[in-house]
């Protein structure tokens, strides 16, 4: 069920109405989130009754390695608390200075 945002309380209502005969796979939105944000949202959805998670437009979600490191672990329910805690340390930005021996310090600056 791709949706811009789904509050966990609505998911709980759907679970109550549908029971176990309805499978709920909410989309994790927004597309770009930190590793810890993905884990917090996944945990809230699982606690609200989600059977799993959907990643609509998955090819555009992970701009950084840390996000992919989190997303690929979201099905491990027992590890979500650890992911929330450790997620911020999954990725460290390092300025690119050389690429293939060429100086690129001016090529990849923001602003």
PDB file of N, CA and C in Angstrom:
ATOM      1  N   UNK A   1       0.823  -1.184   0.000  1.00  0.00           N
ATOM      2  CA  UNK A   1       0.000   0.000   0.000  1.00  0.00           C
ATOM      3  C   UNK A   1       0.869   1.250   0.000  1.00  0.00           C
ATOM      4  N   UNK A   2       1.371   1.635  -1.145  1.00  0.00           N
ATOM      5  CA  UNK A   2       2.173   2.862  -1.214  1.00  0.00           C
ATOM      6  C   UNK A   2       1.341   4.074  -0.811  1.00  0.00           C
ATOM      7  N   UNK A   3       1.873   4.858   0.073  1.00  0.00           N
ATOM      8  CA  UNK A   3       1.192   6.044   0.556  1.00  0.00           C
ATOM      9  C   UNK A   3       2.246   7.028   1.043  1.00  0.00           C
ATOM     10  N   UNK A   4       1.989   8.325   0.915  1.00  0.00           N
ATOM     11  CA  UNK A   4       2.987   9.297   1.358  1.00  0.00           C
ATOM     12  C   UNK A   4       3.331   9.172   2.842  1.00  0.00           C
ATOM     13  N   UNK A   5       2.339   8.871   3.662  1.00  0.00           N
ATOM     14  CA  UNK A   5       2.600   8.682   5.085  1.00  0.00           C
ATOM     15  C   UNK A   5       1.426   7.929   5.691  1.00  0.00           C
ATOM     16  N   UNK A   6       1.715   6.991   6.529  1.00  0.00           N
ATOM     17  CA  UNK A   6       0.682   6.206   7.191  1.00  0.00           C
ATOM     18  C   UNK A   6       0.946   6.239   8.683  1.00  0.00           C
ATOM     19  N   UNK A   7       0.003   6.757   9.429  1.00  0.00           N
ATOM     20  CA  UNK A   7       0.164   6.800  10.880  1.00  0.00           C
ATOM     21  C   UNK A   7      -0.093   5.410  11.447  1.00  0.00           C
ATOM     22  N   UNK A   8       0.670   5.033  12.433  1.00  0.00           N
ATOM     23  CA  UNK A   8       0.566   3.698  13.020  1.00  0.00           C
ATOM     24  C   UNK A   8      -0.825   3.434  13.596  1.00  0.00           C
ATOM     25  N   UNK A   9      -1.514   4.467  14.064  1.00  0.00           N
ATOM     26  CA  UNK A   9      -2.857   4.259  14.623  1.00  0.00           C
ATOM     27  C   UNK A   9      -3.834   3.769  13.548  1.00  0.00           C
ATOM     28  N   UNK A  10      -3.679   4.241  12.324  1.00  0.00           N
ATOM     29  CA  UNK A  10      -4.532   3.773  11.226  1.00  0.00           C
ATOM     30  C   UNK A  10      -4.224   2.308  10.908  1.00  0.00           C
ATOM     31  N   UNK A  11      -2.974   1.962  10.961  1.00  0.00           N
ATOM     32  CA  UNK A  11      -2.574   0.579  10.734  1.00  0.00           C
ATOM     33  C   UNK A  11      -3.194  -0.341  11.796  1.00  0.00           C
ATOM     34  N   UNK A  12      -3.219   0.124  13.047  1.00  0.00           N
ATOM     35  CA  UNK A  12      -3.850  -0.654  14.122  1.00  0.00           C
ATOM     36  C   UNK A  12      -5.329  -0.881  13.834  1.00  0.00           C
ATOM     37  N   UNK A  13      -6.014   0.158  13.359  1.00  0.00           N
ATOM     38  CA  UNK A  13      -7.438   0.029  13.026  1.00  0.00           C
ATOM     39  C   UNK A  13      -7.638  -0.988  11.915  1.00  0.00           C
ATOM     40  N   UNK A  14      -6.816  -0.921  10.884  1.00  0.00           N
ATOM     41  CA  UNK A  14      -6.923  -1.876   9.780  1.00  0.00           C
ATOM     42  C   UNK A  14      -6.682  -3.302  10.271  1.00  0.00           C
ATOM     43  N   UNK A  15      -5.715  -3.463  11.167  1.00  0.00           N
ATOM     44  CA  UNK A  15      -5.426  -4.793  11.714  1.00  0.00           C
ATOM     45  C   UNK A  15      -6.636  -5.303  12.485  1.00  0.00           C
ATOM     46  N   UNK A  16      -7.260  -4.443  13.262  1.00  0.00           N
ATOM     47  CA  UNK A  16      -8.426  -4.830  14.052  1.00  0.00           C
ATOM     48  C   UNK A  16      -9.593  -5.223  13.144  1.00  0.00           C
ATOM     49  N   UNK A  17      -9.803  -4.470  12.085  1.00  0.00           N
ATOM     50  CA  UNK A  17     -10.897  -4.750  11.150  1.00  0.00           C
ATOM     51  C   UNK A  17     -10.622  -6.014  10.346  1.00  0.00           C
ATOM     52  N   UNK A  18      -9.424  -6.129   9.812  1.00  0.00           N
ATOM     53  CA  UNK A  18      -9.089  -7.245   8.921  1.00  0.00           C
ATOM     54  C   UNK A  18      -8.689  -8.521   9.608  1.00  0.00           C
ATOM     55  N   UNK A  19      -8.248  -8.418  10.847  1.00  0.00           N
ATOM     56  CA  UNK A  19      -7.772  -9.607  11.549  1.00  0.00           C
ATOM     57  C   UNK A  19      -6.562 -10.201  10.850  1.00  0.00           C
ATOM     58  N   UNK A  20      -6.420 -11.497  10.981  1.00  0.00           N
ATOM     59  CA  UNK A  20      -5.270 -12.176  10.388  1.00  0.00           C
ATOM     60  C   UNK A  20      -5.460 -12.514   8.916  1.00  0.00           C
ATOM     61  N   UNK A  21      -6.685 -12.326   8.403  1.00  0.00           N
ATOM     62  CA  UNK A  21      -6.943 -12.672   6.995  1.00  0.00           C
ATOM     63  C   UNK A  21      -6.466 -11.587   6.034  1.00  0.00           C
ATOM     64  N   UNK A  22      -6.128 -10.409   6.560  1.00  0.00           N
ATOM     65  CA  UNK A  22      -5.635  -9.309   5.735  1.00  0.00           C
ATOM     66  C   UNK A  22      -4.150  -9.115   6.038  1.00  0.00           C
ATOM     67  N   UNK A  23      -3.342  -9.015   5.003  1.00  0.00           N
ATOM     68  CA  UNK A  23      -1.907  -8.797   5.183  1.00  0.00           C
ATOM     69  C   UNK A  23      -1.594  -7.322   4.985  1.00  0.00           C
ATOM     70  N   UNK A  24      -0.919  -6.730   5.948  1.00  0.00           N
ATOM     71  CA  UNK A  24      -0.603  -5.305   5.923  1.00  0.00           C
ATOM     72  C   UNK A  24       0.899  -5.113   5.748  1.00  0.00           C
ATOM     73  N   UNK A  25       1.252  -4.449   4.647  1.00  0.00           N
ATOM     74  CA  UNK A  25       2.651  -4.168   4.318  1.00  0.00           C
ATOM     75  C   UNK A  25       2.771  -2.671   4.032  1.00  0.00           C
ATOM     76  N   UNK A  26       2.888  -1.838   5.054  1.00  0.00           N
ATOM     77  CA  UNK A  26       2.964  -0.396   4.815  1.00  0.00           C
ATOM     78  C   UNK A  26       4.279   0.016   4.158  1.00  0.00           C
ATOM     79  N   UNK A  27       4.200   1.082   3.391  1.00  0.00           N
ATOM     80  CA  UNK A  27       5.375   1.645   2.731  1.00  0.00           C
ATOM     81  C   UNK A  27       6.127   2.520   3.725  1.00  0.00           C
ATOM     82  N   UNK A  28       7.423   2.502   3.666  1.00  0.00           N
ATOM     83  CA  UNK A  28       8.249   3.335   4.539  1.00  0.00           C
ATOM     84  C   UNK A  28       8.515   4.670   3.843  1.00  0.00           C
ATOM     85  N   UNK A  29       7.834   5.680   4.283  1.00  0.00           N
ATOM     86  CA  UNK A  29       7.989   7.003   3.690  1.00  0.00           C
ATOM     87  C   UNK A  29       8.391   7.985   4.766  1.00  0.00           C
ATOM     88  N   UNK A  30       9.125   9.017   4.475  1.00  0.00           N
ATOM     89  CA  UNK A  30       9.597   9.440   3.161  1.00  0.00           C
ATOM     90  C   UNK A  30      10.689   8.515   2.639  1.00  0.00           C
ATOM     91  N   UNK A  31      10.974   8.652   1.363  1.00  0.00           N
ATOM     92  CA  UNK A  31      11.945   7.762   0.716  1.00  0.00           C
ATOM     93  C   UNK A  31      13.337   7.901   1.316  1.00  0.00           C
ATOM     94  N   UNK A  32      13.761   9.100   1.569  1.00  0.00           N
ATOM     95  CA  UNK A  32      15.112   9.331   2.111  1.00  0.00           C
ATOM     96  C   UNK A  32      15.009   9.585   3.612  1.00  0.00           C
ATOM     97  N   UNK A  33      15.549   8.664   4.394  1.00  0.00           N
ATOM     98  CA  UNK A  33      15.567   8.782   5.845  1.00  0.00           C
ATOM     99  C   UNK A  33      16.919   8.300   6.345  1.00  0.00           C
ATOM    100  N   UNK A  34      17.220   8.665   7.551  1.00  0.00           N
ATOM    101  CA  UNK A  34      18.437   8.147   8.163  1.00  0.00           C
ATOM    102  C   UNK A  34      18.200   6.688   8.554  1.00  0.00           C
ATOM    103  N   UNK A  35      19.273   5.989   8.846  1.00  0.00           N
ATOM    104  CA  UNK A  35      19.175   4.584   9.243  1.00  0.00           C
ATOM    105  C   UNK A  35      18.301   4.439  10.481  1.00  0.00           C
ATOM    106  N   UNK A  36      18.499   5.291  11.470  1.00  0.00           N
ATOM    107  CA  UNK A  36      17.717   5.216  12.707  1.00  0.00           C
ATOM    108  C   UNK A  36      16.249   5.548  12.456  1.00  0.00           C
ATOM    109  N   UNK A  37      15.964   6.487  11.566  1.00  0.00           N
ATOM    110  CA  UNK A  37      14.575   6.838  11.255  1.00  0.00           C
ATOM    111  C   UNK A  37      13.848   5.679  10.597  1.00  0.00           C
ATOM    112  N   UNK A  38      14.510   5.006   9.660  1.00  0.00           N
ATOM    113  CA  UNK A  38      13.912   3.830   9.040  1.00  0.00           C
ATOM    114  C   UNK A  38      13.576   2.785  10.105  1.00  0.00           C
ATOM    115  N   UNK A  39      14.491   2.542  11.026  1.00  0.00           N
ATOM    116  CA  UNK A  39      14.289   1.522  12.061  1.00  0.00           C
ATOM    117  C   UNK A  39      13.169   1.918  13.016  1.00  0.00           C
ATOM    118  N   UNK A  40      13.097   3.196  13.399  1.00  0.00           N
ATOM    119  CA  UNK A  40      12.019   3.650  14.284  1.00  0.00           C
ATOM    120  C   UNK A  40      10.656   3.492  13.622  1.00  0.00           C
ATOM    121  N   UNK A  41      10.566   3.865  12.354  1.00  0.00           N
ATOM    122  CA  UNK A  41       9.304   3.742  11.630  1.00  0.00           C
ATOM    123  C   UNK A  41       8.906   2.272  11.465  1.00  0.00           C
ATOM    124  N   UNK A  42       9.857   1.437  11.114  1.00  0.00           N
ATOM    125  CA  UNK A  42       9.584   0.006  10.969  1.00  0.00           C
ATOM    126  C   UNK A  42       9.088  -0.583  12.290  1.00  0.00           C
ATOM    127  N   UNK A  43       9.728  -0.215  13.383  1.00  0.00           N
ATOM    128  CA  UNK A  43       9.334  -0.724  14.697  1.00  0.00           C
ATOM    129  C   UNK A  43       7.903  -0.296  15.026  1.00  0.00           C
ATOM    130  N   UNK A  44       7.574   0.957  14.764  1.00  0.00           N
ATOM    131  CA  UNK A  44       6.215   1.456  15.027  1.00  0.00           C
ATOM    132  C   UNK A  44       5.189   0.698  14.192  1.00  0.00           C
ATOM    133  N   UNK A  45       5.507   0.432  12.942  1.00  0.00           N
ATOM    134  CA  UNK A  45       4.581  -0.299  12.065  1.00  0.00           C
ATOM    135  C   UNK A  45       4.413  -1.753  12.517  1.00  0.00           C
ATOM    136  N   UNK A  46       5.501  -2.409  12.879  1.00  0.00           N
ATOM    137  CA  UNK A  46       5.397  -3.786  13.355  1.00  0.00           C
ATOM    138  C   UNK A  46       4.565  -3.841  14.642  1.00  0.00           C
ATOM    139  N   UNK A  47       4.792  -2.897  15.542  1.00  0.00           N
ATOM    140  CA  UNK A  47       4.036  -2.860  16.795  1.00  0.00           C
ATOM    141  C   UNK A  47       2.555  -2.586  16.548  1.00  0.00           C
ATOM    142  N   UNK A  48       2.244  -1.891  15.456  1.00  0.00           N
ATOM    143  CA  UNK A  48       0.856  -1.583  15.108  1.00  0.00           C
ATOM    144  C   UNK A  48       0.182  -2.734  14.369  1.00  0.00           C
ATOM    145  N   UNK A  49       0.923  -3.777  14.014  1.00  0.00           N
ATOM    146  CA  UNK A  49       0.322  -4.943  13.389  1.00  0.00           C
ATOM    147  C   UNK A  49       0.748  -5.231  11.970  1.00  0.00           C
ATOM    148  N   UNK A  50       1.757  -4.562  11.471  1.00  0.00           N
ATOM    149  CA  UNK A  50       2.229  -4.824  10.106  1.00  0.00           C
ATOM    150  C   UNK A  50       2.805  -6.231   9.998  1.00  0.00           C
ATOM    151  N   UNK A  51       2.540  -6.863   8.853  1.00  0.00           N
ATOM    152  CA  UNK A  51       3.105  -8.185   8.577  1.00  0.00           C
ATOM    153  C   UNK A  51       4.504  -8.081   7.994  1.00  0.00           C
ATOM    154  N   UNK A  52       4.775  -6.978   7.350  1.00  0.00           N
ATOM    155  CA  UNK A  52       6.057  -6.734   6.701  1.00  0.00           C
ATOM    156  C   UNK A  52       6.096  -5.288   6.262  1.00  0.00           C
ATOM    157  N   UNK A  53       7.042  -4.960   5.431  1.00  0.00           N
ATOM    158  CA  UNK A  53       7.221  -3.578   4.979  1.00  0.00           C
ATOM    159  C   UNK A  53       7.348  -3.541   3.469  1.00  0.00           C
ATOM    160  N   UNK A  54       6.929  -2.439   2.900  1.00  0.00           N
ATOM    161  CA  UNK A  54       7.003  -2.222   1.460  1.00  0.00           C
ATOM    162  C   UNK A  54       7.970  -1.080   1.193  1.00  0.00           C
ATOM    163  N   UNK A  55       8.767  -1.218   0.166  1.00  0.00           N
ATOM    164  CA  UNK A  55       9.685  -0.151  -0.235  1.00  0.00           C
ATOM    165  C   UNK A  55       9.391   0.204  -1.688  1.00  0.00           C
ATOM    166  N   UNK A  56       8.384   1.034  -1.874  1.00  0.00           N
ATOM    167  CA  UNK A  56       8.012   1.495  -3.207  1.00  0.00           C
ATOM    168  C   UNK A  56       9.144   2.358  -3.736  1.00  0.00           C
ATOM    169  N   UNK A  57       9.467   2.263  -4.999  1.00  0.00           N
ATOM    170  CA  UNK A  57      10.586   3.012  -5.588  1.00  0.00           C
ATOM    171  C   UNK A  57      11.887   2.721  -4.841  1.00  0.00           C
ATOM    172  N   UNK A  58      12.138   1.470  -4.574  1.00  0.00           N
ATOM    173  CA  UNK A  58      13.299   1.076  -3.793  1.00  0.00           C
ATOM    174  C   UNK A  58      14.628   1.496  -4.382  1.00  0.00           C
ATOM    175  N   UNK A  59      14.693   1.627  -5.709  1.00  0.00           N
ATOM    176  CA  UNK A  59      15.965   2.001  -6.334  1.00  0.00           C
ATOM    177  C   UNK A  59      16.352   3.444  -6.043  1.00  0.00           C
ATOM    178  N   UNK A  60      15.425   4.253  -5.551  1.00  0.00           N
ATOM    179  CA  UNK A  60      15.727   5.658  -5.270  1.00  0.00           C
ATOM    180  C   UNK A  60      15.838   5.957  -3.787  1.00  0.00           C
ATOM    181  N   UNK A  61      15.796   4.972  -2.960  1.00  0.00           N
ATOM    182  CA  UNK A  61      15.722   5.206  -1.526  1.00  0.00           C
ATOM    183  C   UNK A  61      17.064   5.401  -0.838  1.00  0.00           C
ATOM    184  N   UNK A  62      18.058   4.740  -1.257  1.00  0.00           N
ATOM    185  CA  UNK A  62      19.292   4.706  -0.481  1.00  0.00           C
ATOM    186  C   UNK A  62      20.379   5.549  -1.124  1.00  0.00           C
ATOM    187  N   UNK A  63      20.402   6.798  -0.744  1.00  0.00           N
ATOM    188  CA  UNK A  63      21.423   7.699  -1.273  1.00  0.00           C
ATOM    189  C   UNK A  63      22.778   7.458  -0.619  1.00  0.00           C
ATOM    190  N   UNK A  64      22.777   6.875   0.568  1.00  0.00           N
ATOM    191  CA  UNK A  64      24.027   6.621   1.287  1.00  0.00           C
ATOM    192  C   UNK A  64      24.081   5.158   1.726  1.00  0.00           C
ATOM    193  N   UNK A  65      25.255   4.690   1.981  1.00  0.00           N
ATOM    194  CA  UNK A  65      25.469   3.320   2.411  1.00  0.00           C
ATOM    195  C   UNK A  65      24.726   3.043   3.715  1.00  0.00           C
ATOM    196  N   UNK A  66      24.677   4.015   4.626  1.00  0.00           N
ATOM    197  CA  UNK A  66      24.027   3.802   5.920  1.00  0.00           C
ATOM    198  C   UNK A  66      22.553   3.493   5.760  1.00  0.00           C
ATOM    199  N   UNK A  67      21.907   4.140   4.808  1.00  0.00           N
ATOM    200  CA  UNK A  67      20.480   3.890   4.595  1.00  0.00           C
ATOM    201  C   UNK A  67      20.269   2.466   4.103  1.00  0.00           C
ATOM    202  N   UNK A  68      21.081   2.023   3.149  1.00  0.00           N
ATOM    203  CA  UNK A  68      20.957   0.654   2.659  1.00  0.00           C
ATOM    204  C   UNK A  68      21.278  -0.340   3.776  1.00  0.00           C
ATOM    205  N   UNK A  69      22.267  -0.042   4.604  1.00  0.00           N
ATOM    206  CA  UNK A  69      22.617  -0.921   5.714  1.00  0.00           C
ATOM    207  C   UNK A  69      21.432  -1.095   6.651  1.00  0.00           C
ATOM    208  N   UNK A  70      20.644  -0.050   6.831  1.00  0.00           N
ATOM    209  CA  UNK A  70      19.459  -0.141   7.689  1.00  0.00           C
ATOM    210  C   UNK A  70      18.329  -0.862   6.985  1.00  0.00           C
ATOM    211  N   UNK A  71      18.020  -0.470   5.764  1.00  0.00           N
ATOM    212  CA  UNK A  71      16.878  -1.027   5.044  1.00  0.00           C
ATOM    213  C   UNK A  71      16.985  -2.541   4.908  1.00  0.00           C
ATOM    214  N   UNK A  72      18.157  -3.053   4.652  1.00  0.00           N
ATOM    215  CA  UNK A  72      18.296  -4.498   4.457  1.00  0.00           C
ATOM    216  C   UNK A  72      18.147  -5.286   5.752  1.00  0.00           C
ATOM    217  N   UNK A  73      18.100  -4.605   6.895  1.00  0.00           N
ATOM    218  CA  UNK A  73      17.967  -5.289   8.180  1.00  0.00           C
ATOM    219  C   UNK A  73      16.591  -5.101   8.827  1.00  0.00           C
ATOM    220  N   UNK A  74      15.684  -4.403   8.191  1.00  0.00           N
ATOM    221  CA  UNK A  74      14.413  -4.058   8.818  1.00  0.00           C
ATOM    222  C   UNK A  74      13.490  -5.247   9.066  1.00  0.00           C
ATOM    223  N   UNK A  75      13.748  -6.364   8.467  1.00  0.00           N
ATOM    224  CA  UNK A  75      12.950  -7.555   8.717  1.00  0.00           C
ATOM    225  C   UNK A  75      13.367  -8.313   9.967  1.00  0.00           C
ATOM    226  N   UNK A  76      14.473  -7.939  10.558  1.00  0.00           N
ATOM    227  CA  UNK A  76      14.973  -8.585  11.774  1.00  0.00           C
ATOM    228  C   UNK A  76      14.412  -7.844  12.987  1.00  0.00           C
ATOM    229  N   UNK A  77      13.223  -8.228  13.409  1.00  0.00           N
ATOM    230  CA  UNK A  77      12.500  -7.501  14.450  1.00  0.00           C
ATOM    231  C   UNK A  77      13.280  -7.364  15.758  1.00  0.00           C
ATOM    232  N   UNK A  78      14.001  -8.394  16.133  1.00  0.00           N
ATOM    233  CA  UNK A  78      14.736  -8.357  17.396  1.00  0.00           C
ATOM    234  C   UNK A  78      15.933  -7.412  17.345  1.00  0.00           C
ATOM    235  N   UNK A  79      16.347  -7.009  16.145  1.00  0.00           N
ATOM    236  CA  UNK A  79      17.518  -6.142  16.008  1.00  0.00           C
ATOM    237  C   UNK A  79      17.161  -4.674  15.802  1.00  0.00           C
ATOM    238  N   UNK A  80      15.878  -4.332  15.765  1.00  0.00           N
ATOM    239  CA  UNK A  80      15.491  -2.954  15.463  1.00  0.00           C
ATOM    240  C   UNK A  80      15.984  -1.967  16.512  1.00  0.00           C
ATOM    241  N   UNK A  81      15.914  -2.317  17.796  1.00  0.00           N
ATOM    242  CA  UNK A  81      16.394  -1.402  18.834  1.00  0.00           C
ATOM    243  C   UNK A  81      17.885  -1.117  18.672  1.00  0.00           C
ATOM    244  N   UNK A  82      18.643  -2.153  18.341  1.00  0.00           N
ATOM    245  CA  UNK A  82      20.079  -1.962  18.130  1.00  0.00           C
ATOM    246  C   UNK A  82      20.330  -1.092  16.896  1.00  0.00           C
ATOM    247  N   UNK A  83      19.524  -1.286  15.875  1.00  0.00           N
ATOM    248  CA  UNK A  83      19.657  -0.490  14.656  1.00  0.00           C
ATOM    249  C   UNK A  83      19.337   0.980  14.923  1.00  0.00           C
ATOM    250  N   UNK A  84      18.338   1.233  15.757  1.00  0.00           N
ATOM    251  CA  UNK A  84      18.006   2.613  16.126  1.00  0.00           C
ATOM    252  C   UNK A  84      19.184   3.257  16.850  1.00  0.00           C
ATOM    253  N   UNK A  85      19.789   2.498  17.745  1.00  0.00           N
ATOM    254  CA  UNK A  85      20.912   3.017  18.528  1.00  0.00           C
ATOM    255  C   UNK A  85      22.179   3.182  17.690  1.00  0.00           C
ATOM    256  N   UNK A  86      22.498   2.197  16.865  1.00  0.00           N
ATOM    257  CA  UNK A  86      23.764   2.203  16.132  1.00  0.00           C
ATOM    258  C   UNK A  86      23.667   2.824  14.743  1.00  0.00           C
ATOM    259  N   UNK A  87      22.459   3.042  14.243  1.00  0.00           N
ATOM    260  CA  UNK A  87      22.264   3.554  12.894  1.00  0.00           C
ATOM    261  C   UNK A  87      23.072   4.797  12.553  1.00  0.00           C
ATOM    262  N   UNK A  88      23.109   5.781  13.457  1.00  0.00           N
ATOM    263  CA  UNK A  88      23.872   6.990  13.129  1.00  0.00           C
ATOM    264  C   UNK A  88      25.357   6.759  12.886  1.00  0.00           C
ATOM    265  N   UNK A  89      25.906   5.672  13.378  1.00  0.00           N
ATOM    266  CA  UNK A  89      27.341   5.423  13.191  1.00  0.00           C
ATOM    267  C   UNK A  89      27.633   4.584  11.947  1.00  0.00           C
ATOM    268  N   UNK A  90      26.595   4.210  11.181  1.00  0.00           N
ATOM    269  CA  UNK A  90      26.789   3.363  10.013  1.00  0.00           C
ATOM    270  C   UNK A  90      27.489   4.083   8.861  1.00  0.00           C
ATOM    271  N   UNK A  91      27.445   5.377   8.851  1.00  0.00           N
ATOM    272  CA  UNK A  91      27.941   6.109   7.688  1.00  0.00           C
ATOM    273  C   UNK A  91      28.729   7.318   8.141  1.00  0.00           C
ATOM    274  N   UNK A  92      29.858   7.508   7.529  1.00  0.00           N
ATOM    275  CA  UNK A  92      30.689   8.671   7.822  1.00  0.00           C
ATOM    276  C   UNK A  92      31.027   9.328   6.499  1.00  0.00           C
ATOM    277  N   UNK A  93      30.719  10.595   6.365  1.00  0.00           N
ATOM    278  CA  UNK A  93      31.007  11.328   5.128  1.00  0.00           C
ATOM    279  C   UNK A  93      32.483  11.701   5.078  1.00  0.00           C
ATOM    280  N   UNK A  94      33.095  11.446   3.962  1.00  0.00           N
ATOM    281  CA  UNK A  94      34.491  11.804   3.734  1.00  0.00           C
ATOM    282  C   UNK A  94      34.555  12.529   2.397  1.00  0.00           C
ATOM    283  N   UNK A  95      35.129  13.717   2.389  1.00  0.00           N
ATOM    284  CA  UNK A  95      35.238  14.476   1.146  1.00  0.00           C
ATOM    285  C   UNK A  95      36.120  13.737   0.144  1.00  0.00           C
ATOM    286  N   UNK A  96      35.660  13.675  -1.084  1.00  0.00           N
ATOM    287  CA  UNK A  96      36.410  13.055  -2.167  1.00  0.00           C
ATOM    288  C   UNK A  96      37.454  14.057  -2.659  1.00  0.00           C
ATOM    289  N   UNK A  97      38.706  13.663  -2.669  1.00  0.00           N
ATOM    290  CA  UNK A  97      39.782  14.552  -3.108  1.00  0.00           C
ATOM    291  C   UNK A  97      40.342  14.138  -4.463  1.00  0.00           C
ATOM    292  N   UNK A  98      40.460  12.833  -4.673  1.00  0.00           N
ATOM    293  CA  UNK A  98      41.024  12.326  -5.923  1.00  0.00           C
ATOM    294  C   UNK A  98      40.167  11.183  -6.436  1.00  0.00           C
ATOM    295  N   UNK A  99      40.028  11.110  -7.737  1.00  0.00           N
ATOM    296  CA  UNK A  99      39.304  10.023  -8.371  1.00  0.00           C
ATOM    297  C   UNK A  99      40.134   9.575  -9.568  1.00  0.00           C
ATOM    298  N   UNK A 100      40.646   8.366  -9.502  1.00  0.00           N
ATOM    299  CA  UNK A 100      41.497   7.870 -10.573  1.00  0.00           C
ATOM    300  C   UNK A 100      42.744   8.710 -10.762  1.00  0.00           C
ATOM    301  N   UNK A 101      43.254   9.278  -9.657  1.00  0.00           N
ATOM    302  CA  UNK A 101      44.462  10.089  -9.729  1.00  0.00           C
ATOM    303  C   UNK A 101      44.215  11.548 -10.091  1.00  0.00           C
ATOM    304  N   UNK A 102      42.973  11.912 -10.394  1.00  0.00           N
ATOM    305  CA  UNK A 102      42.652  13.297 -10.759  1.00  0.00           C
ATOM    306  C   UNK A 102      42.113  14.050  -9.550  1.00  0.00           C
ATOM    307  N   UNK A 103      42.551  15.293  -9.412  1.00  0.00           N
ATOM    308  CA  UNK A 103      42.090  16.150  -8.333  1.00  0.00           C
ATOM    309  C   UNK A 103      40.639  16.562  -8.606  1.00  0.00           C
ATOM    310  N   UNK A 104      39.724  16.206  -7.686  1.00  0.00           N
ATOM    311  CA  UNK A 104      38.306  16.545  -7.864  1.00  0.00           C
ATOM    312  C   UNK A 104      37.768  17.359  -6.689  1.00  0.00           C
ATOM    313  N   UNK A 105      38.651  18.000  -5.948  1.00  0.00           N
ATOM    314  CA  UNK A 105      38.202  18.699  -4.756  1.00  0.00           C
ATOM    315  C   UNK A 105      37.213  19.812  -5.052  1.00  0.00           C
ATOM    316  N   UNK A 106      37.200  20.363  -6.273  1.00  0.00           N
ATOM    317  CA  UNK A 106      36.261  21.424  -6.621  1.00  0.00           C
ATOM    318  C   UNK A 106      35.027  20.882  -7.364  1.00  0.00           C
ATOM    319  N   UNK A 107      35.058  19.633  -7.739  1.00  0.00           N
ATOM    320  CA  UNK A 107      33.977  19.063  -8.549  1.00  0.00           C
ATOM    321  C   UNK A 107      32.775  18.596  -7.740  1.00  0.00           C
ATOM    322  N   UNK A 108      32.954  18.234  -6.489  1.00  0.00           N
ATOM    323  CA  UNK A 108      31.886  17.632  -5.721  1.00  0.00           C
ATOM    324  C   UNK A 108      31.543  18.399  -4.464  1.00  0.00           C
ATOM    325  N   UNK A 109      31.651  19.695  -4.493  1.00  0.00           N
ATOM    326  CA  UNK A 109      31.315  20.539  -3.352  1.00  0.00           C
ATOM    327  C   UNK A 109      29.846  20.907  -3.407  1.00  0.00           C
ATOM    328  N   UNK A 110      29.193  20.921  -2.240  1.00  0.00           N
ATOM    329  CA  UNK A 110      27.811  21.399  -2.178  1.00  0.00           C
ATOM    330  C   UNK A 110      27.816  22.921  -2.204  1.00  0.00           C
ATOM    331  N   UNK A 111      26.833  23.468  -2.900  1.00  0.00           N
ATOM    332  CA  UNK A 111      26.657  24.930  -2.917  1.00  0.00           C
ATOM    333  C   UNK A 111      27.619  25.562  -3.765  1.00  0.00           C
TER     334      UNK A 111
END
